[in-house]
C-alpha atoms as a PDB file:
ATOM      1  CA  UNK A   1     100.040 103.612 103.557  1.00  0.00           C
ATOM      2  CA  UNK A   2      96.593 104.407 102.323  1.00  0.00           C
ATOM      3  CA  UNK A   3      96.434 100.780 100.935  1.00  0.00           C
ATOM      4  CA  UNK A   4      97.837  99.239 104.605  1.00  0.00           C
ATOM      5  CA  UNK A   5      94.988 101.139 106.444  1.00  0.00           C
ATOM      6  CA  UNK A   6      92.002  99.959 103.786  1.00  0.00           C
ATOM      7  CA  UNK A   7      92.820  96.581 104.512  1.00  0.00           C
ATOM      8  CA  UNK A   8      93.301  96.444 108.009  1.00  0.00           C
ATOM      9  CA  UNK A   9      89.365  98.527 108.298  1.00  0.00           C
ATOM     10  CA  UNK A  10      88.155  95.748 105.841  1.00  0.00           C
ATOM     11  CA  UNK A  11      89.653  92.950 107.690  1.00  0.00           C
ATOM     12  CA  UNK A  12      88.229  94.478 110.947  1.00  0.00           C
ATOM     13  CA  UNK A  13      84.757  94.594 109.385  1.00  0.00           C
ATOM     14  CA  UNK A  14      84.586  98.261 108.525  1.00  0.00           C
ATOM     15  CA  UNK A  15      80.381  99.101 106.833  1.00  0.00           C
ATOM     16  CA  UNK A  16      81.771 101.978 105.424  1.00  0.00           C
ATOM     17  CA  UNK A  17      84.879 102.394 102.608  1.00  0.00           C
ATOM     18  CA  UNK A  18      87.591 103.485 104.721  1.00  0.00           C
ATOM     19  CA  UNK A  19      89.755 104.942 102.640  1.00  0.00           C
ATOM     20  CA  UNK A  20      88.227 109.012 102.747  1.00  0.00           C
ATOM     21  CA  UNK A  21      89.346 108.710 106.580  1.00  0.00           C
ATOM     22  CA  UNK A  22      92.716 106.887 105.770  1.00  0.00           C
ATOM     23  CA  UNK A  23      93.563 109.890 103.448  1.00  0.00           C
ATOM     24  CA  UNK A  24      91.855 112.072 106.731  1.00  0.00           C
ATOM     25  CA  UNK A  25      94.597 110.420 108.969  1.00  0.00           C
ATOM     26  CA  UNK A  26      97.378 110.924 107.050  1.00  0.00           C
ATOM     27  CA  UNK A  27      96.761 114.827 106.518  1.00  0.00           C
ATOM     28  CA  UNK A  28      96.775 114.707 110.275  1.00  0.00           C
ATOM     29  CA  UNK A  29     100.523 112.961 110.232  1.00  0.00           C
ATOM     30  CA  UNK A  30     101.479 115.191 107.747  1.00  0.00           C
ATOM     31  CA  UNK A  31     100.639 118.720 109.619  1.00  0.00           C
ATOM     32  CA  UNK A  32     103.775 121.522 109.862  1.00  0.00           C
ATOM     33  CA  UNK A  33     103.840 121.710 113.479  1.00  0.00           C
ATOM     34  CA  UNK A  34     104.984 117.811 113.278  1.00  0.00           C
ATOM     35  CA  UNK A  35     108.730 117.409 113.200  1.00  0.00           C
ATOM     36  CA  UNK A  36     109.221 113.917 114.648  1.00  0.00           C
ATOM     37  CA  UNK A  37     105.255 112.646 115.342  1.00  0.00           C
ATOM     38  CA  UNK A  38     105.297 112.322 111.291  1.00  0.00           C
ATOM     39  CA  UNK A  39     103.855 109.518 108.944  1.00  0.00           C
ATOM     40  CA  UNK A  40     107.661 108.306 108.972  1.00  0.00           C
ATOM     41  CA  UNK A  41     107.077 107.568 112.650  1.00  0.00           C
ATOM     42  CA  UNK A  42     103.565 105.989 112.211  1.00  0.00           C
ATOM     43  CA  UNK A  43     105.342 104.203 109.124  1.00  0.00           C
ATOM     44  CA  UNK A  44     107.985 103.255 111.670  1.00  0.00           C
ATOM     45  CA  UNK A  45     105.652 102.316 114.254  1.00  0.00           C
ATOM     46  CA  UNK A  46     103.456  99.671 112.263  1.00  0.00           C
ATOM     47  CA  UNK A  47     106.470  98.271 111.025  1.00  0.00           C
ATOM     48  CA  UNK A  48     107.332  97.434 114.618  1.00  0.00           C
ATOM     49  CA  UNK A  49     103.598  96.100 115.362  1.00  0.00           C
ATOM     50  CA  UNK A  50     104.380  93.820 112.247  1.00  0.00           C
ATOM     51  CA  UNK A  51     107.115  92.619 113.994  1.00  0.00           C
ATOM     52  CA  UNK A  52     105.821  92.111 117.457  1.00  0.00           C
ATOM     53  CA  UNK A  53     102.479  90.896 116.117  1.00  0.00           C
ATOM     54  CA  UNK A  54     103.177  87.414 117.388  1.00  0.00           C
ATOM     55  CA  UNK A  55     102.810  88.764 120.994  1.00  0.00           C
ATOM     56  CA  UNK A  56      99.565  90.486 120.935  1.00  0.00           C
ATOM     57  CA  UNK A  57      96.690  88.721 121.549  1.00  0.00           C
ATOM     58  CA  UNK A  58      94.447  91.530 119.089  1.00  0.00           C
ATOM     59  CA  UNK A  59      97.260  92.596 116.998  1.00  0.00           C
ATOM     60  CA  UNK A  60      94.837  94.191 114.896  1.00  0.00           C
ATOM     61  CA  UNK A  61      93.579  96.362 117.530  1.00  0.00           C
ATOM     62  CA  UNK A  62      97.083  97.178 118.211  1.00  0.00           C
ATOM     63  CA  UNK A  63      97.530  97.984 114.426  1.00  0.00           C
ATOM     64  CA  UNK A  64      94.155 100.321 114.916  1.00  0.00           C
ATOM     65  CA  UNK A  65      95.652 102.082 117.955  1.00  0.00           C
ATOM     66  CA  UNK A  66      99.207 102.899 115.947  1.00  0.00           C
ATOM     67  CA  UNK A  67      96.863 104.666 113.311  1.00  0.00           C
ATOM     68  CA  UNK A  68      94.982 106.854 116.252  1.00  0.00           C
ATOM     69  CA  UNK A  69      97.958 107.018 118.793  1.00  0.00           C
ATOM     70  CA  UNK A  70      99.304 110.430 117.574  1.00  0.00           C
ATOM     71  CA  UNK A  71      96.676 111.752 115.474  1.00  0.00           C
ATOM     72  CA  UNK A  72      95.801 114.742 117.068  1.00  0.00           C
ATOM     73  CA  UNK A  73      99.261 116.220 117.741  1.00  0.00           C
ATOM     74  CA  UNK A  74      99.378 119.985 118.843  1.00  0.00           C
ATOM     75  CA  UNK A  75     102.424 120.509 121.097  1.00  0.00           C
ATOM     76  CA  UNK A  76     100.949 123.641 122.419  1.00  0.00           C
ATOM     77  CA  UNK A  77      98.186 121.606 123.923  1.00  0.00           C
ATOM     78  CA  UNK A  78      97.917 119.190 126.556  1.00  0.00           C
ATOM     79  CA  UNK A  79      96.075 115.693 126.210  1.00  0.00           C
ATOM     80  CA  UNK A  80      96.920 114.886 122.958  1.00  0.00           C
ATOM     81  CA  UNK A  81      96.807 111.393 123.533  1.00  0.00           C
ATOM     82  CA  UNK A  82      93.223 111.842 125.540  1.00  0.00           C
ATOM     83  CA  UNK A  83      92.270 113.862 122.161  1.00  0.00           C
ATOM     84  CA  UNK A  84      93.345 111.098 119.759  1.00  0.00           C
ATOM     85  CA  UNK A  85      91.479 108.209 121.736  1.00  0.00           C
ATOM     86  CA  UNK A  86      88.570 110.312 121.432  1.00  0.00           C
ATOM     87  CA  UNK A  87      88.856 110.724 117.611  1.00  0.00           C
ATOM     88  CA  UNK A  88      89.816 107.001 117.344  1.00  0.00           C
ATOM     89  CA  UNK A  89      85.853 106.130 119.181  1.00  0.00           C
ATOM     90  CA  UNK A  90      84.185 108.819 116.953  1.00  0.00           C
ATOM     91  CA  UNK A  91      86.042 107.343 113.647  1.00  0.00           C
ATOM     92  CA  UNK A  92      86.152 104.041 114.322  1.00  0.00           C
ATOM     93  CA  UNK A  93      82.508 103.546 115.780  1.00  0.00           C
ATOM     94  CA  UNK A  94      81.512 105.675 112.595  1.00  0.00           C
ATOM     95  CA  UNK A  95      83.025 102.702 110.516  1.00  0.00           C
ATOM     96  CA  UNK A  96      81.044  99.882 111.975  1.00  0.00           C
ATOM     97  CA  UNK A  97      83.390  98.268 113.936  1.00  0.00           C
ATOM     98  CA  UNK A  98      82.330  96.280 117.027  1.00  0.00           C
ATOM     99  CA  UNK A  99      82.190  98.578 120.076  1.00  0.00           C
ATOM    100  CA  UNK A 100      84.707  96.213 122.105  1.00  0.00           C
ATOM    101  CA  UNK A 101      87.232  96.957 119.568  1.00  0.00           C
ATOM    102  CA  UNK A 102      86.843 100.299 119.706  1.00  0.00           C
ATOM    103  CA  UNK A 103      86.795 100.379 123.498  1.00  0.00           C
ATOM    104  CA  UNK A 104      90.315  98.643 123.179  1.00  0.00           C
ATOM    105  CA  UNK A 105      91.566 100.799 120.373  1.00  0.00           C
ATOM    106  CA  UNK A 106      90.593 103.671 122.884  1.00  0.00           C
ATOM    107  CA  UNK A 107      92.458 102.145 125.760  1.00  0.00           C
ATOM    108  CA  UNK A 108      95.655 100.948 124.046  1.00  0.00           C
ATOM    109  CA  UNK A 109      95.639 104.963 122.603  1.00  0.00           C
ATOM    110  CA  UNK A 110      95.597 106.282 126.505  1.00  0.00           C
ATOM    111  CA  UNK A 111      98.343 103.874 127.104  1.00  0.00           C
ATOM    112  CA  UNK A 112     100.545 105.839 125.292  1.00  0.00           C
ATOM    113  CA  UNK A 113     100.660 109.017 127.919  1.00  0.00           C
ATOM    114  CA  UNK A 114     102.642 107.075 130.236  1.00  0.00           C
ATOM    115  CA  UNK A 115     104.024 103.663 128.451  1.00  0.00           C
ATOM    116  CA  UNK A 116     103.576 101.660 131.294  1.00  0.00           C
ATOM    117  CA  UNK A 117     101.123  98.720 130.514  1.00  0.00           C
ATOM    118  CA  UNK A 118     100.213  96.326 133.412  1.00  0.00           C
ATOM    119  CA  UNK A 119     101.688  92.838 133.549  1.00  0.00           C
ATOM    120  CA  UNK A 120     100.052  90.558 130.834  1.00  0.00           C
ATOM    121  CA  UNK A 121      98.617  93.349 128.769  1.00  0.00           C
ATOM    122  CA  UNK A 122     100.095  91.755 125.678  1.00  0.00           C
ATOM    123  CA  UNK A 123      98.640  94.488 123.335  1.00  0.00           C
ATOM    124  CA  UNK A 124      99.673  97.285 125.399  1.00  0.00           C
ATOM    125  CA  UNK A 125     103.032  95.537 125.341  1.00  0.00           C
ATOM    126  CA  UNK A 126     103.050  96.144 121.596  1.00  0.00           C
ATOM    127  CA  UNK A 127     102.099  99.073 121.133  1.00  0.00           C
ATOM    128  CA  UNK A 128     104.413 100.861 123.802  1.00  0.00           C
ATOM    129  CA  UNK A 129     107.383  99.252 122.885  1.00  0.00           C
ATOM    130  CA  UNK A 130     106.963  99.767 118.718  1.00  0.00           C
ATOM    131  CA  UNK A 131     106.019 103.169 120.067  1.00  0.00           C
ATOM    132  CA  UNK A 132     109.941 103.619 122.316  1.00  0.00           C
ATOM    133  CA  UNK A 133     111.646 101.625 119.494  1.00  0.00           C
ATOM    134  CA  UNK A 134     113.272 105.006 118.333  1.00  0.00           C
ATOM    135  CA  UNK A 135     114.616 105.377 121.601  1.00  0.00           C
ATOM    136  CA  UNK A 136     117.123 102.316 120.975  1.00  0.00           C
ATOM    137  CA  UNK A 137     118.438 103.383 117.774  1.00  0.00           C
ATOM    138  CA  UNK A 138     122.030 104.456 116.836  1.00  0.00           C
ATOM    139  CA  UNK A 139     123.082 107.250 118.977  1.00  0.00           C
ATOM    140  CA  UNK A 140     123.152 109.124 115.513  1.00  0.00           C
ATOM    141  CA  UNK A 141     119.319 108.030 114.994  1.00  0.00           C
ATOM    142  CA  UNK A 142     118.601 108.745 118.554  1.00  0.00           C
ATOM    143  CA  UNK A 143     120.018 112.758 118.490  1.00  0.00           C
ATOM    144  CA  UNK A 144     118.135 113.263 114.988  1.00  0.00           C
ATOM    145  CA  UNK A 145     114.959 112.209 117.362  1.00  0.00           C
ATOM    146  CA  UNK A 146     115.764 114.148 120.355  1.00  0.00           C
ATOM    147  CA  UNK A 147     116.475 117.174 117.860  1.00  0.00           C
ATOM    148  CA  UNK A 148     113.322 116.792 115.826  1.00  0.00           C
ATOM    149  CA  UNK A 149     111.362 116.869 119.332  1.00  0.00           C
ATOM    150  CA  UNK A 150     113.179 120.017 120.345  1.00  0.00           C
ATOM    151  CA  UNK A 151     111.775 121.623 116.529  1.00  0.00           C
ATOM    152  CA  UNK A 152     108.352 120.337 117.792  1.00  0.00           C
ATOM    153  CA  UNK A 153     108.575 122.332 120.668  1.00  0.00           C
ATOM    154  CA  UNK A 154     110.946 125.743 119.518  1.00  0.00           C
ATOM    155  CA  UNK A 155     108.150 127.985 121.067  1.00  0.00           C
ATOM    156  CA  UNK A 156     109.242 126.914 124.315  1.00  0.00           C
ATOM    157  CA  UNK A 157     112.257 128.519 126.327  1.00  0.00           C
ATOM    158  CA  UNK A 158     115.063 126.546 126.495  1.00  0.00           C
ATOM    159  CA  UNK A 159     115.495 126.507 130.135  1.00  0.00           C
ATOM    160  CA  UNK A 160     111.763 125.658 130.538  1.00  0.00           C
ATOM    161  CA  UNK A 161     112.140 122.727 128.002  1.00  0.00           C
ATOM    162  CA  UNK A 162     115.145 120.996 129.635  1.00  0.00           C
ATOM    163  CA  UNK A 163     113.181 120.973 132.794  1.00  0.00           C
ATOM    164  CA  UNK A 164     109.977 119.251 130.893  1.00  0.00           C
ATOM    165  CA  UNK A 165     112.692 116.976 128.785  1.00  0.00           C
ATOM    166  CA  UNK A 166     114.752 115.692 131.965  1.00  0.00           C
ATOM    167  CA  UNK A 167     111.303 115.106 133.521  1.00  0.00           C
ATOM    168  CA  UNK A 168     110.042 112.515 130.426  1.00  0.00           C
ATOM    169  CA  UNK A 169     113.626 110.883 130.418  1.00  0.00           C
ATOM    170  CA  UNK A 170     113.486 110.276 134.373  1.00  0.00           C
ATOM    171  CA  UNK A 171     109.618 108.822 133.520  1.00  0.00           C
ATOM    172  CA  UNK A 172     111.010 106.167 130.989  1.00  0.00           C
ATOM    173  CA  UNK A 173     114.856 105.446 132.970  1.00  0.00           C
ATOM    174  CA  UNK A 174     112.472 104.492 135.950  1.00  0.00           C
ATOM    175  CA  UNK A 175     110.174 102.119 134.331  1.00  0.00           C
ATOM    176  CA  UNK A 176     110.797  98.797 135.779  1.00  0.00           C
ATOM    177  CA  UNK A 177     111.054  97.497 132.085  1.00  0.00           C
ATOM    178  CA  UNK A 178     111.545  99.855 129.269  1.00  0.00           C
ATOM    179  CA  UNK A 179     110.420  97.019 126.772  1.00  0.00           C
ATOM    180  CA  UNK A 180     107.964  94.690 127.555  1.00  0.00           C
ATOM    181  CA  UNK A 181     107.924  92.211 124.585  1.00  0.00           C
ATOM    182  CA  UNK A 182     111.029  89.723 124.907  1.00  0.00           C
ATOM    183  CA  UNK A 183     112.023  90.764 121.256  1.00  0.00           C
ATOM    184  CA  UNK A 184     111.990  94.286 121.792  1.00  0.00           C
ATOM    185  CA  UNK A 185     113.676  94.195 125.549  1.00  0.00           C
ATOM    186  CA  UNK A 186     116.448  92.328 124.028  1.00  0.00           C
ATOM    187  CA  UNK A 187     116.717  93.882 120.587  1.00  0.00           C
ATOM    188  CA  UNK A 188     116.633  97.860 122.343  1.00  0.00           C
ATOM    189  CA  UNK A 189     117.198  98.108 126.198  1.00  0.00           C
ATOM    190  CA  UNK A 190     120.679  98.285 126.302  1.00  0.00           C
ATOM    191  CA  UNK A 191     121.082 101.500 123.595  1.00  0.00           C
ATOM    192  CA  UNK A 192     118.082 102.841 124.956  1.00  0.00           C
ATOM    193  CA  UNK A 193     119.350 103.259 128.112  1.00  0.00           C
ATOM    194  CA  UNK A 194     122.405 104.373 126.932  1.00  0.00           C
ATOM    195  CA  UNK A 195     120.602 107.165 125.116  1.00  0.00           C
ATOM    196  CA  UNK A 196     118.390 108.353 127.582  1.00  0.00           C
ATOM    197  CA  UNK A 197     121.152 108.829 129.847  1.00  0.00           C
ATOM    198  CA  UNK A 198     123.315 110.808 127.467  1.00  0.00           C
ATOM    199  CA  UNK A 199     120.632 113.196 126.692  1.00  0.00           C
ATOM    200  CA  UNK A 200     119.732 113.310 130.355  1.00  0.00           C
ATOM    201  CA  UNK A 201     123.183 114.244 131.003  1.00  0.00           C
ATOM    202  CA  UNK A 202     123.169 117.369 128.473  1.00  0.00           C
ATOM    203  CA  UNK A 203     119.996 119.029 130.244  1.00  0.00           C
END
């Protein structure tokens, strides 16, 4: 993964050696409080971004946003996405990337708060679809994902977690389209809606 990060930054015109910061990012993605939001999740999102890259207007910006979208993740705090976006701005500006691309990465990371890109936002559609692809896995894979999320929030009493989790599931089910790219819509929608509905029924 470090090699992929370094190659991405070089393609984007980094003015400094990107490897040290790549190591810092991977350290963040490996923090002990993480159970689902780990380097494995990052790898999965990057893989889906590659698969959907033909839909994006700026696939490199989407890849950068994928690296940063959960780079700050503390279940006991709010505004993780906002903090991740701010981290992206600091890191990519220090690396010498153009301001317009840095701004696009910041915007994309912030989209992962609600996963509801505007119609025609092709970069946002790719990032959000890649991030939500886990919802459209097999029932067994989805159950493992849901269990890992619960572990991350192990400090939250069961009734409070159930209420908060149900609100998240209802938000996702209420989206007009859970997936926006044609490929992800066809591949994941039916399974994702079934998985979300099934979990909601257990809360």
